[in-house]
Amino acid sequence: MTPSRKDSTTAVDHARTRALAAARVADETRGTDIRVLDLRSLTPMVDYFVVATGSSRRQMHAMADEIEATLKKDFQERKRGAEGYEEGRWIVLDYGDVMVHLFDAEARGYWDIDHLWSDAAQVSVPLPGAPS
């Protein structure tokens, strides 16, 4: 049975909501240069990337841990996988339709994921304390 358009829209909205929640947590845990990229029109593999930069391994661990806790508590969402946590230069959290990429500054510049996916629409991220 094929899901109705309404069902797939609800799933996409749910993915967007979780991506924005991850971005908010990244901001609350002092992540910088936070972006949410909408990849729905570019690939069937994932709907959104959340990209943020951390200042240290410890701070990136805090971001990753808080994102995981928030998505589990608020959305009953468990990550499907993770990579890079031990090294702490580029941590990837896989939630299926949402992928969270946490970089240190050097790794973010080197991999330049923002440029790699430059055709993706950027989602406006309403962050607390940001100028309107």
Protein backbone atom coordinates (compact mmCIF):
# COMPACT_ATOMS: atom_id res chain seq x y z
CA MET A 1 0.00 0.00 0.00
CA THR A 2 1.38 3.41 -0.96
CA PRO A 3 1.18 6.09 1.74
CA SER A 4 -1.13 8.97 0.97
CA ARG A 5 0.33 12.39 0.20
CA LYS A 6 -0.91 13.56 3.60
CA ASP A 7 1.03 10.76 5.34
CA SER A 8 4.27 11.61 3.54
CA THR A 9 3.80 15.33 4.25
CA THR A 10 3.30 14.56 7.93
CA ALA A 11 6.48 12.47 7.93
CA VAL A 12 8.42 15.29 6.26
CA ASP A 13 7.01 17.83 8.72
CA HIS A 14 8.07 15.52 11.54
CA ALA A 15 11.59 15.33 10.09
CA ARG A 16 11.75 19.13 9.80
CA THR A 17 10.55 19.53 13.39
CA ARG A 18 13.23 17.14 14.63
CA ALA A 19 15.91 18.83 12.52
CA LEU A 20 14.97 22.22 13.97
CA ALA A 21 14.98 20.75 17.49
CA ALA A 22 18.50 19.39 16.90
CA ALA A 23 19.60 22.83 15.65
CA ARG A 24 18.11 24.49 18.73
CA VAL A 25 19.98 22.09 21.03
CA ALA A 26 23.21 22.71 19.11
CA ASP A 27 22.71 26.43 19.75
CA GLU A 28 21.93 25.87 23.43
CA THR A 29 25.14 23.86 23.82
CA ARG A 30 27.20 26.63 22.21
CA GLY A 31 27.42 25.30 18.69
CA THR A 32 28.13 27.90 16.03
CA ASP A 33 27.42 28.39 12.32
CA ILE A 34 24.32 26.20 12.63
CA ARG A 35 22.55 25.32 9.41
CA VAL A 36 19.62 23.12 8.48
CA LEU A 37 19.74 21.98 4.86
CA ASP A 38 16.60 20.69 3.11
CA LEU A 39 17.74 17.84 0.87
CA ARG A 40 14.32 16.47 -0.10
CA SER A 41 14.59 17.62 -3.71
CA LEU A 42 18.20 16.42 -4.07
CA THR A 43 18.29 12.88 -2.70
CA PRO A 44 15.87 10.17 -1.59
CA MET A 45 18.32 9.10 1.13
CA VAL A 46 17.74 11.85 3.72
CA ASP A 47 15.40 14.80 4.16
CA TYR A 48 17.50 17.18 6.29
CA PHE A 49 21.08 17.77 7.36
CA VAL A 50 21.77 19.70 10.53
CA VAL A 51 25.30 21.11 10.47
CA ALA A 52 27.05 22.84 13.37
CA THR A 53 30.56 23.68 14.49
CA GLY A 54 31.94 22.95 17.94
CA SER A 55 34.91 24.52 19.67
CA SER A 56 36.37 21.38 21.27
CA ARG A 57 35.95 17.64 21.50
CA ARG A 58 34.30 18.00 24.89
CA GLN A 59 31.84 20.61 23.64
CA MET A 60 31.01 18.51 20.56
CA HIS A 61 30.31 15.54 22.85
CA ALA A 62 27.97 17.76 24.89
CA MET A 63 26.14 18.80 21.70
CA ALA A 64 25.82 15.21 20.49
CA ASP A 65 24.70 13.90 23.89
CA GLU A 66 22.08 16.66 24.34
CA ILE A 67 20.73 16.26 20.80
CA GLU A 68 20.39 12.52 21.38
CA ALA A 69 18.67 13.04 24.76
CA THR A 70 16.27 15.68 23.41
CA LEU A 71 15.22 13.68 20.35
CA LYS A 72 14.70 10.62 22.53
CA LYS A 73 12.73 12.49 25.24
CA ASP A 74 10.67 14.86 23.09
CA PHE A 75 10.14 12.71 19.97
CA GLN A 76 10.77 9.13 21.18
CA GLU A 77 13.39 9.04 18.42
CA ARG A 78 16.47 6.86 18.74
CA LYS A 79 19.47 7.32 16.53
CA ARG A 80 20.10 4.56 14.03
CA GLY A 81 23.83 5.03 14.14
CA ALA A 82 26.66 7.37 14.95
CA GLU A 83 30.22 7.86 13.79
CA GLY A 84 33.17 9.91 14.96
CA TYR A 85 32.19 10.32 18.61
CA GLU A 86 35.45 9.00 20.02
CA GLU A 87 37.69 11.11 17.81
CA GLY A 88 35.40 14.11 18.15
CA ARG A 89 36.37 16.01 14.99
CA TRP A 90 33.28 15.14 12.93
CA ILE A 91 30.40 13.47 14.73
CA VAL A 92 27.51 12.15 12.63
CA LEU A 93 24.21 11.19 14.23
CA ASP A 94 21.91 9.22 11.91
CA TYR A 95 18.18 9.51 12.50
CA GLY A 96 17.21 8.12 9.09
CA ASP A 97 15.51 11.13 7.55
CA VAL A 98 17.64 13.59 9.58
CA MET A 99 21.43 13.50 9.73
CA VAL A 100 23.26 15.66 12.26
CA HIS A 101 26.84 16.67 11.41
CA LEU A 102 28.92 18.22 14.19
CA PHE A 103 32.36 19.42 13.13
CA ASP A 104 35.33 21.08 14.72
CA ALA A 105 36.32 24.20 12.77
CA GLU A 106 39.18 22.54 10.90
CA ALA A 107 37.13 19.51 9.81
CA ARG A 108 34.18 21.69 8.76
CA GLY A 109 36.46 23.77 6.55
CA TYR A 110 38.15 20.70 5.11
CA TRP A 111 35.00 18.72 4.28
CA ASP A 112 33.00 21.85 3.35
CA ILE A 113 29.67 20.03 3.51
CA ASP A 114 27.85 23.36 3.10
CA HIS A 115 29.45 23.79 -0.34
CA LEU A 116 29.04 20.12 -1.26
CA TRP A 117 25.29 20.44 -0.70
CA SER A 118 25.04 24.08 -1.84
CA ASP A 119 22.00 23.26 -4.01
CA ALA A 120 20.02 22.44 -0.87
CA ALA A 121 17.55 24.98 0.43
CA GLN A 122 18.52 26.43 3.78
CA VAL A 123 15.81 26.24 6.41
CA SER A 124 15.46 29.29 8.61
CA VAL A 125 16.39 28.28 12.14
CA PRO A 126 14.58 30.31 14.80
CA LEU A 127 17.12 30.37 17.63
CA PRO A 128 16.45 31.93 21.03
CA GLY A 129 18.25 35.23 21.50
CA ALA A 130 18.91 35.71 17.79
CA PRO A 131 18.01 39.10 16.31
CA SER A 132 14.68 39.07 14.47
